[in-house]
């Protein structure tokens, strides 16, 4: 029998193969390494942040929670919210408190029906809808509460990436994270929770520095 508990409903939805999945896009950082606000920097025909929004909208995810920082109003004026999915905005009033604060705010803002959340970064423009769907499918077919893509780096090194699918049942553990400790720190302590999804090619990188941005512009121009 269904209960009134959202987590229990989420688990039942997942077992039924019809899970409601939220996207939580983290975009509240202070861009210290870039030296200027970066979310609206042009990249191809769109602002940097638009790439993450469009990837989520092109996937099987059911909603977007966009976590912004103290320039939320300006950012919202410069992007186009996808029409296909409902989008809710959560504002982190203290981005300097670290990524964990934004992550927790995003999870709290997710729809009560959500069985899991796909964690995305607003400054990773090379994450695509098909990649999100691949990791989501692996997650839904597994019994562990976390799934993320893993790429092959130099010298055989395994490089983890995004999206990270996180089941609702461990969100209380995520709430215990502090500062810039993200899911990676939690998974070091609980490696049995993780399903690594092998993905060929280079891991989509963050656009953190002016050099990263120049490289992203060059790569986008070459593709187009």
N, C-alpha and C. Protein backbone atom coordinates (compact mmCIF):
# COMPACT_ATOMS: atom_id res chain seq x y z
N UNK A 1 0.84 -1.20 0.00
CA UNK A 1 0.00 0.00 0.00
C UNK A 1 0.88 1.24 0.00
N UNK A 2 0.57 2.24 -0.83
CA UNK A 2 1.33 3.48 -0.79
C UNK A 2 1.19 4.17 0.55
N UNK A 3 2.22 4.85 0.95
CA UNK A 3 2.19 5.62 2.18
C UNK A 3 2.22 7.10 1.83
N UNK A 4 2.11 7.93 2.86
CA UNK A 4 2.18 9.37 2.63
C UNK A 4 3.58 9.89 2.57
N UNK A 5 4.56 9.02 2.75
CA UNK A 5 5.95 9.46 2.79
C UNK A 5 6.49 9.61 1.37
N UNK A 6 6.99 10.82 0.98
CA UNK A 6 7.49 11.02 -0.38
C UNK A 6 8.61 10.07 -0.73
N UNK A 7 9.50 9.77 0.22
CA UNK A 7 10.61 8.86 -0.08
C UNK A 7 10.09 7.48 -0.43
N UNK A 8 9.09 7.02 0.32
CA UNK A 8 8.52 5.70 0.02
C UNK A 8 7.83 5.70 -1.33
N UNK A 9 7.11 6.78 -1.63
CA UNK A 9 6.48 6.85 -2.95
C UNK A 9 7.53 6.83 -4.04
N UNK A 10 8.66 7.54 -3.81
CA UNK A 10 9.73 7.55 -4.81
C UNK A 10 10.29 6.17 -5.04
N UNK A 11 10.50 5.40 -3.95
CA UNK A 11 11.03 4.05 -4.11
C UNK A 11 10.05 3.17 -4.88
N UNK A 12 8.74 3.32 -4.61
CA UNK A 12 7.75 2.51 -5.32
C UNK A 12 7.72 2.87 -6.80
N UNK A 13 7.83 4.18 -7.10
CA UNK A 13 7.85 4.61 -8.50
C UNK A 13 9.04 3.98 -9.21
N UNK A 14 10.21 3.98 -8.53
CA UNK A 14 11.40 3.45 -9.16
C UNK A 14 11.24 1.97 -9.46
N UNK A 15 10.67 1.21 -8.52
CA UNK A 15 10.47 -0.22 -8.72
C UNK A 15 9.51 -0.46 -9.88
N UNK A 16 8.56 0.45 -10.05
CA UNK A 16 7.60 0.29 -11.13
C UNK A 16 8.17 0.69 -12.47
N UNK A 17 9.40 1.17 -12.51
CA UNK A 17 10.03 1.57 -13.77
C UNK A 17 9.50 2.88 -14.30
N UNK A 18 8.84 3.65 -13.49
CA UNK A 18 8.26 4.92 -13.93
C UNK A 18 8.69 6.03 -12.97
N UNK A 19 9.97 6.08 -12.69
CA UNK A 19 10.47 6.99 -11.66
C UNK A 19 10.40 8.44 -12.12
N UNK A 20 10.01 9.31 -11.22
CA UNK A 20 10.08 10.75 -11.43
C UNK A 20 11.50 11.18 -11.05
N UNK A 21 12.22 11.78 -11.98
CA UNK A 21 13.60 12.19 -11.76
C UNK A 21 13.73 13.70 -11.92
N UNK A 22 14.34 14.33 -10.94
CA UNK A 22 14.58 15.77 -10.99
C UNK A 22 16.01 16.04 -11.46
N UNK A 23 16.18 17.17 -12.13
CA UNK A 23 17.52 17.69 -12.38
C UNK A 23 17.80 18.78 -11.36
N UNK A 24 18.95 18.73 -10.72
CA UNK A 24 19.38 19.82 -9.85
C UNK A 24 20.65 20.40 -10.48
N UNK A 25 20.52 21.61 -11.03
CA UNK A 25 21.65 22.27 -11.69
C UNK A 25 22.26 23.27 -10.73
N UNK A 26 23.52 23.02 -10.35
CA UNK A 26 24.22 23.88 -9.40
C UNK A 26 24.90 25.02 -10.15
N UNK A 27 24.46 26.24 -9.90
CA UNK A 27 24.98 27.40 -10.62
C UNK A 27 25.05 28.61 -9.70
N UNK A 28 25.49 28.39 -8.47
CA UNK A 28 25.54 29.48 -7.49
C UNK A 28 26.97 29.87 -7.13
N UNK A 29 27.96 29.32 -7.83
CA UNK A 29 29.35 29.59 -7.46
C UNK A 29 29.74 31.05 -7.66
N UNK A 30 30.82 31.44 -7.03
CA UNK A 30 31.26 32.84 -7.07
C UNK A 30 32.21 33.14 -8.22
N UNK A 31 32.63 32.13 -8.99
CA UNK A 31 33.49 32.31 -10.17
C UNK A 31 34.79 33.03 -9.84
N UNK A 32 35.35 32.71 -8.68
CA UNK A 32 36.59 33.38 -8.28
C UNK A 32 37.72 33.11 -9.27
N UNK A 33 37.84 31.87 -9.75
CA UNK A 33 38.95 31.53 -10.64
C UNK A 33 38.78 32.15 -12.02
N UNK A 34 37.55 32.41 -12.42
CA UNK A 34 37.31 33.06 -13.70
C UNK A 34 37.62 34.55 -13.62
N UNK A 35 37.41 35.14 -12.44
CA UNK A 35 37.68 36.56 -12.27
C UNK A 35 36.55 37.46 -12.70
N UNK A 36 35.43 36.88 -13.13
CA UNK A 36 34.25 37.65 -13.53
C UNK A 36 33.08 36.68 -13.58
N UNK A 37 31.84 37.18 -13.54
CA UNK A 37 30.69 36.28 -13.65
C UNK A 37 30.77 35.48 -14.95
N UNK A 38 30.47 34.18 -14.88
CA UNK A 38 30.69 33.34 -16.05
C UNK A 38 29.44 32.71 -16.64
N UNK A 39 28.35 32.65 -15.91
CA UNK A 39 27.21 31.87 -16.36
C UNK A 39 26.60 32.39 -17.65
N UNK A 40 26.75 33.68 -17.92
CA UNK A 40 26.17 34.26 -19.13
C UNK A 40 27.21 34.51 -20.22
N UNK A 41 28.44 34.02 -20.03
CA UNK A 41 29.45 34.17 -21.08
C UNK A 41 28.97 33.44 -22.33
N UNK A 42 29.13 34.04 -23.50
CA UNK A 42 28.65 33.39 -24.72
C UNK A 42 29.48 32.16 -25.07
N UNK A 43 28.79 31.11 -25.44
CA UNK A 43 29.45 29.88 -25.87
C UNK A 43 28.64 29.32 -27.03
N UNK A 44 29.17 29.48 -28.23
CA UNK A 44 28.37 29.19 -29.41
C UNK A 44 27.23 30.18 -29.50
N UNK A 45 26.03 29.68 -29.68
CA UNK A 45 24.87 30.57 -29.84
C UNK A 45 24.09 30.76 -28.55
N UNK A 46 24.68 30.35 -27.41
CA UNK A 46 23.96 30.39 -26.14
C UNK A 46 24.89 30.80 -25.01
N UNK A 47 24.33 31.30 -23.91
CA UNK A 47 25.15 31.51 -22.72
C UNK A 47 25.62 30.18 -22.14
N UNK A 48 26.69 30.21 -21.39
CA UNK A 48 27.27 29.00 -20.81
C UNK A 48 26.22 28.19 -20.05
N UNK A 49 25.47 28.81 -19.16
CA UNK A 49 24.49 28.10 -18.36
C UNK A 49 23.40 27.46 -19.21
N UNK A 50 23.07 28.06 -20.34
CA UNK A 50 21.99 27.54 -21.19
C UNK A 50 22.27 26.12 -21.66
N UNK A 51 23.54 25.78 -21.82
CA UNK A 51 23.89 24.43 -22.28
C UNK A 51 23.41 23.38 -21.28
N UNK A 52 23.62 23.63 -19.99
CA UNK A 52 23.16 22.67 -18.98
C UNK A 52 21.65 22.58 -18.94
N UNK A 53 20.98 23.71 -19.04
CA UNK A 53 19.51 23.72 -19.05
C UNK A 53 18.97 22.95 -20.26
N UNK A 54 19.56 23.18 -21.41
CA UNK A 54 19.07 22.51 -22.62
C UNK A 54 19.35 21.02 -22.59
N UNK A 55 20.48 20.62 -22.00
CA UNK A 55 20.77 19.18 -21.88
C UNK A 55 19.74 18.50 -21.00
N UNK A 56 19.40 19.11 -19.87
CA UNK A 56 18.38 18.54 -18.99
C UNK A 56 17.04 18.45 -19.70
N UNK A 57 16.70 19.49 -20.46
CA UNK A 57 15.42 19.51 -21.16
C UNK A 57 15.37 18.48 -22.28
N UNK A 58 16.53 18.09 -22.82
CA UNK A 58 16.58 17.10 -23.90
C UNK A 58 16.61 15.68 -23.38
N UNK A 59 16.58 15.49 -22.08
CA UNK A 59 16.68 14.17 -21.47
C UNK A 59 15.31 13.69 -21.00
N UNK A 60 15.30 12.52 -20.33
CA UNK A 60 14.04 11.98 -19.81
C UNK A 60 13.71 12.52 -18.42
N UNK A 61 14.45 13.49 -17.93
CA UNK A 61 14.18 14.05 -16.62
C UNK A 61 12.84 14.78 -16.62
N UNK A 62 12.26 14.92 -15.43
CA UNK A 62 10.88 15.40 -15.31
C UNK A 62 10.75 16.83 -14.83
N UNK A 63 11.80 17.40 -14.28
CA UNK A 63 11.77 18.79 -13.84
C UNK A 63 13.19 19.28 -13.68
N UNK A 64 13.34 20.59 -13.58
CA UNK A 64 14.65 21.21 -13.34
C UNK A 64 14.55 22.07 -12.10
N UNK A 65 15.48 21.88 -11.18
CA UNK A 65 15.68 22.80 -10.07
C UNK A 65 17.00 23.51 -10.35
N UNK A 66 16.94 24.80 -10.54
CA UNK A 66 18.11 25.61 -10.85
C UNK A 66 18.52 26.38 -9.61
N UNK A 67 19.72 26.10 -9.11
CA UNK A 67 20.21 26.76 -7.89
C UNK A 67 21.16 27.88 -8.29
N UNK A 68 20.75 29.11 -8.00
CA UNK A 68 21.53 30.30 -8.35
C UNK A 68 22.02 31.00 -7.10
N UNK A 69 22.96 31.92 -7.31
CA UNK A 69 23.53 32.66 -6.20
C UNK A 69 23.02 34.08 -6.13
N UNK A 70 23.91 34.99 -5.70
CA UNK A 70 23.45 36.36 -5.42
C UNK A 70 23.21 37.20 -6.67
N UNK A 71 23.51 36.68 -7.87
CA UNK A 71 23.18 37.39 -9.10
C UNK A 71 22.03 36.71 -9.82
N UNK A 72 21.15 36.09 -9.06
CA UNK A 72 20.08 35.30 -9.65
C UNK A 72 19.23 36.10 -10.63
N UNK A 73 18.85 37.32 -10.27
CA UNK A 73 17.97 38.11 -11.13
C UNK A 73 18.63 38.38 -12.48
N UNK A 74 19.90 38.76 -12.45
CA UNK A 74 20.60 39.06 -13.70
C UNK A 74 20.75 37.80 -14.56
N UNK A 75 21.05 36.68 -13.92
CA UNK A 75 21.20 35.44 -14.67
C UNK A 75 19.88 35.04 -15.32
N UNK A 76 18.80 35.13 -14.58
CA UNK A 76 17.49 34.74 -15.13
C UNK A 76 17.09 35.61 -16.32
N UNK A 77 17.53 36.87 -16.32
CA UNK A 77 17.23 37.73 -17.46
C UNK A 77 18.00 37.31 -18.71
N UNK A 78 19.12 36.63 -18.51
CA UNK A 78 19.99 36.31 -19.64
C UNK A 78 19.85 34.90 -20.19
N UNK A 79 18.96 34.09 -19.62
CA UNK A 79 18.78 32.72 -20.10
C UNK A 79 17.34 32.50 -20.54
N UNK A 80 17.14 31.36 -21.20
CA UNK A 80 15.80 30.98 -21.64
C UNK A 80 15.43 29.70 -20.91
N UNK A 81 14.42 29.75 -20.08
CA UNK A 81 14.01 28.56 -19.35
C UNK A 81 13.30 27.61 -20.30
N UNK A 82 13.67 26.34 -20.29
CA UNK A 82 13.05 25.37 -21.21
C UNK A 82 11.55 25.29 -21.02
N UNK A 83 10.83 25.17 -22.12
CA UNK A 83 9.37 25.08 -22.05
C UNK A 83 8.90 23.66 -21.76
N UNK A 84 9.72 22.65 -22.08
CA UNK A 84 9.26 21.27 -21.96
C UNK A 84 9.12 20.81 -20.52
N UNK A 85 9.96 21.33 -19.63
CA UNK A 85 9.97 20.89 -18.25
C UNK A 85 9.59 22.03 -17.32
N UNK A 86 8.93 21.71 -16.19
CA UNK A 86 8.78 22.74 -15.16
C UNK A 86 10.14 23.09 -14.57
N UNK A 87 10.36 24.35 -14.32
CA UNK A 87 11.62 24.83 -13.75
C UNK A 87 11.32 25.61 -12.50
N UNK A 88 11.96 25.27 -11.42
CA UNK A 88 11.87 26.07 -10.20
C UNK A 88 13.27 26.55 -9.85
N UNK A 89 13.34 27.74 -9.28
CA UNK A 89 14.62 28.36 -8.97
C UNK A 89 14.79 28.42 -7.46
N UNK A 90 15.93 27.95 -6.98
CA UNK A 90 16.30 28.08 -5.57
C UNK A 90 17.50 29.01 -5.50
N UNK A 91 17.47 29.95 -4.58
CA UNK A 91 18.56 30.92 -4.47
C UNK A 91 19.35 30.63 -3.20
N UNK A 92 20.65 30.48 -3.38
CA UNK A 92 21.56 30.29 -2.26
C UNK A 92 22.00 31.68 -1.78
N UNK A 93 21.59 32.12 -0.60
CA UNK A 93 21.94 33.47 -0.16
C UNK A 93 23.39 33.60 0.27
N UNK A 94 24.09 32.48 0.41
CA UNK A 94 25.48 32.52 0.86
C UNK A 94 26.32 31.53 0.07
N UNK A 95 26.61 31.83 -1.22
CA UNK A 95 27.38 30.90 -2.03
C UNK A 95 28.76 30.59 -1.46
N UNK A 96 29.31 31.50 -0.66
CA UNK A 96 30.63 31.26 -0.08
C UNK A 96 30.63 30.11 0.91
N UNK A 97 29.44 29.64 1.33
CA UNK A 97 29.36 28.52 2.26
C UNK A 97 29.73 27.20 1.59
N UNK A 98 29.88 27.20 0.25
CA UNK A 98 30.33 26.00 -0.43
C UNK A 98 29.23 25.30 -1.21
N UNK A 99 29.68 24.37 -2.06
CA UNK A 99 28.76 23.68 -2.95
C UNK A 99 27.73 22.84 -2.21
N UNK A 100 28.10 22.35 -1.03
CA UNK A 100 27.17 21.49 -0.30
C UNK A 100 25.89 22.25 0.05
N UNK A 101 25.99 23.53 0.34
CA UNK A 101 24.79 24.32 0.65
C UNK A 101 23.86 24.37 -0.56
N UNK A 102 24.43 24.62 -1.73
CA UNK A 102 23.61 24.67 -2.94
C UNK A 102 22.98 23.31 -3.24
N UNK A 103 23.74 22.25 -3.04
CA UNK A 103 23.23 20.91 -3.29
C UNK A 103 22.03 20.61 -2.39
N UNK A 104 22.16 20.93 -1.12
CA UNK A 104 21.06 20.68 -0.19
C UNK A 104 19.84 21.52 -0.53
N UNK A 105 20.05 22.78 -0.89
CA UNK A 105 18.93 23.63 -1.28
C UNK A 105 18.21 23.07 -2.50
N UNK A 106 18.98 22.58 -3.46
CA UNK A 106 18.38 22.01 -4.65
C UNK A 106 17.55 20.77 -4.35
N UNK A 107 18.07 19.89 -3.52
CA UNK A 107 17.33 18.68 -3.17
C UNK A 107 16.06 19.01 -2.40
N UNK A 108 16.14 19.97 -1.50
CA UNK A 108 14.94 20.35 -0.75
C UNK A 108 13.85 20.93 -1.64
N UNK A 109 14.27 21.56 -2.75
CA UNK A 109 13.30 22.19 -3.65
C UNK A 109 12.71 21.21 -4.66
N UNK A 110 13.22 19.99 -4.71
CA UNK A 110 12.74 19.02 -5.69
C UNK A 110 11.30 18.61 -5.41
N UNK A 111 10.63 18.19 -6.45
CA UNK A 111 9.25 17.73 -6.35
C UNK A 111 9.16 16.56 -5.36
N UNK A 112 8.14 16.51 -4.51
CA UNK A 112 8.00 15.39 -3.57
C UNK A 112 7.91 14.04 -4.25
N UNK A 113 7.53 14.00 -5.52
CA UNK A 113 7.45 12.72 -6.22
C UNK A 113 8.81 12.19 -6.65
N UNK A 114 9.84 12.99 -6.55
CA UNK A 114 11.14 12.61 -7.11
C UNK A 114 11.72 11.39 -6.39
N UNK A 115 12.02 10.36 -7.16
CA UNK A 115 12.70 9.18 -6.63
C UNK A 115 14.19 9.43 -6.51
N UNK A 116 14.71 10.36 -7.32
CA UNK A 116 16.14 10.66 -7.34
C UNK A 116 16.34 12.00 -8.02
N UNK A 117 17.55 12.52 -7.87
CA UNK A 117 17.92 13.76 -8.55
C UNK A 117 19.20 13.53 -9.35
N UNK A 118 19.24 14.11 -10.54
CA UNK A 118 20.44 14.11 -11.36
C UNK A 118 21.17 15.42 -11.11
N UNK A 119 22.34 15.34 -10.48
CA UNK A 119 23.10 16.54 -10.15
C UNK A 119 23.94 16.95 -11.35
N UNK A 120 23.74 18.18 -11.80
CA UNK A 120 24.47 18.74 -12.94
C UNK A 120 25.14 20.03 -12.51
N UNK A 121 26.18 20.42 -13.22
CA UNK A 121 26.88 21.66 -12.94
C UNK A 121 26.59 22.66 -14.05
N UNK A 122 26.33 23.89 -13.67
CA UNK A 122 25.99 24.91 -14.65
C UNK A 122 27.13 25.33 -15.54
N UNK A 123 28.35 24.91 -15.21
CA UNK A 123 29.51 25.30 -16.02
C UNK A 123 30.13 24.11 -16.74
N UNK A 124 29.33 23.06 -17.01
CA UNK A 124 29.81 21.92 -17.79
C UNK A 124 28.98 21.82 -19.08
N UNK A 125 29.36 22.56 -20.11
CA UNK A 125 28.52 22.64 -21.32
C UNK A 125 28.54 21.39 -22.18
N UNK A 126 29.46 20.45 -21.94
CA UNK A 126 29.56 19.27 -22.81
C UNK A 126 28.73 18.09 -22.31
N UNK A 127 28.05 18.23 -21.19
CA UNK A 127 27.11 17.19 -20.77
C UNK A 127 25.88 17.28 -21.66
N UNK A 128 25.41 16.14 -22.14
CA UNK A 128 24.31 16.11 -23.12
C UNK A 128 23.10 15.35 -22.58
N UNK A 129 21.98 15.54 -23.26
CA UNK A 129 20.78 14.79 -22.91
C UNK A 129 20.96 13.29 -23.00
N UNK A 130 21.55 12.77 -24.09
CA UNK A 130 21.78 11.33 -24.16
C UNK A 130 22.67 10.79 -23.05
N UNK A 131 23.67 11.56 -22.63
CA UNK A 131 24.51 11.12 -21.52
C UNK A 131 23.69 11.03 -20.23
N UNK A 132 22.86 12.04 -19.97
CA UNK A 132 22.00 12.01 -18.80
C UNK A 132 21.11 10.77 -18.84
N UNK A 133 20.53 10.49 -19.99
CA UNK A 133 19.64 9.34 -20.11
C UNK A 133 20.39 8.02 -19.90
N UNK A 134 21.61 7.95 -20.38
CA UNK A 134 22.39 6.71 -20.21
C UNK A 134 22.65 6.44 -18.73
N UNK A 135 23.06 7.46 -18.00
CA UNK A 135 23.34 7.27 -16.58
C UNK A 135 22.04 7.01 -15.81
N UNK A 136 20.97 7.70 -16.19
CA UNK A 136 19.67 7.48 -15.53
C UNK A 136 19.18 6.05 -15.74
N UNK A 137 19.34 5.52 -16.95
CA UNK A 137 18.91 4.16 -17.22
C UNK A 137 19.70 3.16 -16.40
N UNK A 138 21.01 3.37 -16.29
CA UNK A 138 21.83 2.48 -15.47
C UNK A 138 21.42 2.55 -14.01
N UNK A 139 21.15 3.76 -13.54
CA UNK A 139 20.71 3.95 -12.16
C UNK A 139 19.41 3.22 -11.89
N UNK A 140 18.45 3.36 -12.78
CA UNK A 140 17.13 2.75 -12.58
C UNK A 140 17.18 1.23 -12.67
N UNK A 141 18.21 0.71 -13.31
CA UNK A 141 18.34 -0.73 -13.41
C UNK A 141 19.20 -1.35 -12.33
N UNK A 142 19.66 -0.55 -11.38
CA UNK A 142 20.56 -1.03 -10.33
C UNK A 142 19.88 -0.94 -8.97
N UNK A 143 20.53 -1.50 -7.97
CA UNK A 143 20.00 -1.49 -6.61
C UNK A 143 20.72 -0.49 -5.71
N UNK A 144 21.78 0.13 -6.22
CA UNK A 144 22.55 1.07 -5.40
C UNK A 144 21.96 2.47 -5.53
N UNK A 145 22.22 3.36 -4.56
CA UNK A 145 21.56 4.65 -4.56
C UNK A 145 22.25 5.77 -5.34
N UNK A 146 23.43 5.50 -5.93
CA UNK A 146 24.15 6.55 -6.66
C UNK A 146 24.71 5.96 -7.95
N UNK A 147 24.62 6.71 -9.03
CA UNK A 147 25.27 6.33 -10.28
C UNK A 147 25.91 7.57 -10.88
N UNK A 148 27.08 7.38 -11.48
CA UNK A 148 27.74 8.49 -12.17
C UNK A 148 28.58 7.93 -13.31
N UNK A 149 28.82 8.72 -14.35
CA UNK A 149 29.69 8.26 -15.44
C UNK A 149 31.15 8.29 -15.01
N UNK A 150 31.91 7.36 -15.56
CA UNK A 150 33.35 7.32 -15.31
C UNK A 150 34.05 7.20 -16.66
N UNK A 151 35.01 8.09 -16.88
CA UNK A 151 35.73 8.17 -18.15
C UNK A 151 37.14 7.62 -17.98
N UNK A 152 37.77 7.29 -19.10
CA UNK A 152 39.15 6.80 -19.08
C UNK A 152 40.09 7.99 -19.26
N UNK A 153 40.88 8.27 -18.23
CA UNK A 153 41.82 9.37 -18.30
C UNK A 153 43.21 8.89 -18.71
N UNK A 154 44.18 9.78 -18.69
CA UNK A 154 45.56 9.41 -19.04
C UNK A 154 46.10 8.31 -18.14
N UNK A 155 46.93 7.42 -18.72
CA UNK A 155 47.59 6.36 -17.97
C UNK A 155 46.59 5.43 -17.28
N UNK A 156 45.43 5.24 -17.91
CA UNK A 156 44.45 4.31 -17.36
C UNK A 156 43.69 4.82 -16.15
N UNK A 157 43.84 6.09 -15.84
CA UNK A 157 43.16 6.65 -14.67
C UNK A 157 41.67 6.79 -14.95
N UNK A 158 40.85 6.45 -13.96
CA UNK A 158 39.40 6.58 -14.08
C UNK A 158 38.98 7.97 -13.58
N UNK A 159 38.24 8.68 -14.43
CA UNK A 159 37.86 10.07 -14.12
C UNK A 159 36.34 10.14 -13.94
N UNK A 160 35.86 10.41 -12.73
CA UNK A 160 34.41 10.52 -12.52
C UNK A 160 33.87 11.82 -13.09
N UNK A 161 32.59 11.83 -13.45
CA UNK A 161 31.99 13.02 -14.02
C UNK A 161 30.55 13.19 -13.59
N UNK A 162 29.83 14.01 -14.33
CA UNK A 162 28.41 14.28 -14.10
C UNK A 162 27.62 13.86 -15.32
N UNK A 163 26.33 13.60 -15.15
CA UNK A 163 25.50 13.80 -13.96
C UNK A 163 25.72 12.72 -12.91
N UNK A 164 25.43 13.06 -11.67
CA UNK A 164 25.42 12.10 -10.58
C UNK A 164 23.97 11.88 -10.17
N UNK A 165 23.48 10.67 -10.34
CA UNK A 165 22.10 10.33 -9.94
C UNK A 165 22.11 9.90 -8.48
N UNK A 166 21.29 10.55 -7.67
CA UNK A 166 21.28 10.31 -6.22
C UNK A 166 19.86 9.98 -5.78
N UNK A 167 19.67 8.78 -5.23
CA UNK A 167 18.35 8.34 -4.77
C UNK A 167 17.90 9.13 -3.55
N UNK A 168 16.61 9.39 -3.49
CA UNK A 168 16.06 10.17 -2.38
C UNK A 168 16.40 9.56 -1.02
N UNK A 169 16.50 8.24 -0.95
CA UNK A 169 16.68 7.60 0.35
C UNK A 169 17.99 7.97 1.03
N UNK A 170 18.97 8.51 0.26
CA UNK A 170 20.21 8.94 0.92
C UNK A 170 20.34 10.46 0.98
N UNK A 171 19.29 11.19 0.60
CA UNK A 171 19.37 12.64 0.71
C UNK A 171 19.64 13.11 2.14
N UNK A 172 19.13 12.43 3.18
CA UNK A 172 19.50 12.85 4.54
C UNK A 172 21.01 12.79 4.79
N UNK A 173 21.71 11.87 4.14
CA UNK A 173 23.17 11.82 4.27
C UNK A 173 23.82 12.98 3.54
N UNK A 174 23.25 13.37 2.42
CA UNK A 174 23.77 14.52 1.68
C UNK A 174 23.63 15.78 2.52
N UNK A 175 22.55 15.88 3.28
CA UNK A 175 22.33 17.05 4.13
C UNK A 175 23.44 17.25 5.17
N UNK A 176 24.19 16.20 5.45
CA UNK A 176 25.26 16.30 6.45
C UNK A 176 26.55 16.87 5.86
N UNK A 177 26.63 17.01 4.54
CA UNK A 177 27.84 17.54 3.92
C UNK A 177 28.00 19.02 4.28
N UNK A 178 29.25 19.45 4.33
CA UNK A 178 29.55 20.83 4.67
C UNK A 178 30.60 21.40 3.72
N UNK A 179 30.58 22.72 3.54
CA UNK A 179 31.58 23.40 2.72
C UNK A 179 31.53 22.94 1.28
N UNK A 180 32.70 22.76 0.69
CA UNK A 180 32.78 22.34 -0.70
C UNK A 180 32.82 20.84 -0.87
N UNK A 181 32.54 20.10 0.20
CA UNK A 181 32.49 18.65 0.08
C UNK A 181 31.23 18.25 -0.68
N UNK A 182 31.42 17.66 -1.84
CA UNK A 182 30.28 17.22 -2.63
C UNK A 182 30.06 15.73 -2.48
N UNK A 183 29.37 15.16 -3.45
CA UNK A 183 29.08 13.73 -3.40
C UNK A 183 30.34 12.89 -3.40
N UNK A 184 31.42 13.41 -3.99
CA UNK A 184 32.65 12.62 -4.06
C UNK A 184 33.15 12.25 -2.67
N UNK A 185 33.10 13.20 -1.74
CA UNK A 185 33.54 12.90 -0.38
C UNK A 185 32.67 11.87 0.29
N UNK A 186 31.36 11.95 0.07
CA UNK A 186 30.45 10.98 0.66
C UNK A 186 30.71 9.58 0.10
N UNK A 187 31.00 9.51 -1.19
CA UNK A 187 31.22 8.21 -1.82
C UNK A 187 32.56 7.59 -1.45
N UNK A 188 33.51 8.41 -1.05
CA UNK A 188 34.76 7.85 -0.52
C UNK A 188 34.48 7.06 0.74
N UNK A 189 33.54 7.57 1.54
CA UNK A 189 33.18 6.87 2.77
C UNK A 189 32.24 5.69 2.54
N UNK A 190 31.42 5.78 1.50
CA UNK A 190 30.44 4.73 1.24
C UNK A 190 30.57 4.24 -0.21
N UNK A 191 31.69 3.64 -0.58
CA UNK A 191 31.88 3.23 -1.97
C UNK A 191 30.88 2.19 -2.44
N UNK A 192 30.30 1.43 -1.51
CA UNK A 192 29.33 0.40 -1.89
C UNK A 192 28.03 1.01 -2.42
N UNK A 193 27.85 2.31 -2.24
CA UNK A 193 26.65 2.97 -2.74
C UNK A 193 26.72 3.28 -4.23
N UNK A 194 27.88 3.17 -4.83
CA UNK A 194 28.12 3.75 -6.15
C UNK A 194 28.07 2.72 -7.28
N UNK A 195 27.36 3.08 -8.34
CA UNK A 195 27.45 2.39 -9.62
C UNK A 195 28.23 3.30 -10.57
N UNK A 196 29.38 2.85 -11.05
CA UNK A 196 30.18 3.59 -12.03
C UNK A 196 29.74 3.16 -13.42
N UNK A 197 29.34 4.11 -14.25
CA UNK A 197 28.86 3.83 -15.60
C UNK A 197 29.98 4.18 -16.59
N UNK A 198 30.63 3.19 -17.20
CA UNK A 198 31.75 3.50 -18.11
C UNK A 198 31.26 4.28 -19.34
N UNK A 199 31.98 5.35 -19.66
CA UNK A 199 31.66 6.17 -20.82
C UNK A 199 32.96 6.43 -21.58
N UNK A 200 32.95 6.20 -22.87
CA UNK A 200 34.14 6.43 -23.67
C UNK A 200 34.39 7.93 -23.86
N UNK A 201 35.65 8.27 -24.08
CA UNK A 201 35.99 9.65 -24.37
C UNK A 201 36.43 10.43 -23.14
N UNK A 202 36.69 11.68 -23.38
CA UNK A 202 37.19 12.58 -22.32
C UNK A 202 36.04 13.10 -21.48
N UNK A 203 36.25 13.20 -20.18
CA UNK A 203 35.22 13.71 -19.28
C UNK A 203 34.92 15.17 -19.58
N UNK A 204 33.64 15.55 -19.63
CA UNK A 204 33.29 16.96 -19.80
C UNK A 204 33.86 17.78 -18.64
N UNK A 205 34.64 18.79 -18.96
CA UNK A 205 35.28 19.58 -17.91
C UNK A 205 34.47 20.79 -17.50
N UNK A 206 34.82 21.33 -16.34
CA UNK A 206 34.23 22.59 -15.88
C UNK A 206 34.86 23.76 -16.64
N UNK A 207 34.12 24.84 -16.74
CA UNK A 207 34.67 26.10 -17.25
C UNK A 207 34.93 26.97 -16.03
N UNK A 208 36.12 26.83 -15.47
CA UNK A 208 36.45 27.51 -14.22
C UNK A 208 37.36 28.72 -14.41
N UNK A 209 38.22 28.69 -15.44
CA UNK A 209 39.24 29.71 -15.61
C UNK A 209 39.13 30.33 -17.00
N UNK A 210 39.78 31.48 -17.23
CA UNK A 210 39.78 32.05 -18.58
C UNK A 210 40.33 31.08 -19.62
N UNK A 211 41.33 30.27 -19.25
CA UNK A 211 41.86 29.28 -20.18
C UNK A 211 40.80 28.22 -20.51
N UNK A 212 40.06 27.76 -19.49
CA UNK A 212 38.98 26.80 -19.73
C UNK A 212 37.96 27.38 -20.70
N UNK A 213 37.64 28.63 -20.52
CA UNK A 213 36.63 29.27 -21.37
C UNK A 213 37.13 29.37 -22.80
N UNK A 214 38.39 29.78 -22.99
CA UNK A 214 38.93 29.87 -24.35
C UNK A 214 38.91 28.49 -25.03
N UNK A 215 39.24 27.46 -24.26
CA UNK A 215 39.23 26.10 -24.82
C UNK A 215 37.82 25.68 -25.19
N UNK A 216 36.85 26.02 -24.34
CA UNK A 216 35.45 25.66 -24.61
C UNK A 216 34.94 26.40 -25.86
N UNK A 217 35.31 27.65 -26.01
CA UNK A 217 34.91 28.42 -27.20
C UNK A 217 35.50 27.80 -28.45
N UNK A 218 36.80 27.43 -28.38
CA UNK A 218 37.45 26.83 -29.54
C UNK A 218 36.81 25.50 -29.90
N UNK A 219 36.51 24.67 -28.90
CA UNK A 219 35.90 23.36 -29.16
C UNK A 219 34.50 23.52 -29.74
N UNK A 220 33.73 24.47 -29.21
CA UNK A 220 32.38 24.69 -29.69
C UNK A 220 32.40 25.20 -31.12
N UNK A 221 33.31 26.10 -31.42
CA UNK A 221 33.44 26.64 -32.78
C UNK A 221 33.81 25.53 -33.75
N UNK A 222 34.71 24.63 -33.34
CA UNK A 222 35.12 23.53 -34.22
C UNK A 222 33.95 22.59 -34.51
N UNK A 223 33.13 22.31 -33.48
CA UNK A 223 31.99 21.43 -33.68
C UNK A 223 30.95 22.05 -34.60
N UNK A 224 30.78 23.37 -34.48
CA UNK A 224 29.75 24.04 -35.26
C UNK A 224 30.20 24.32 -36.68
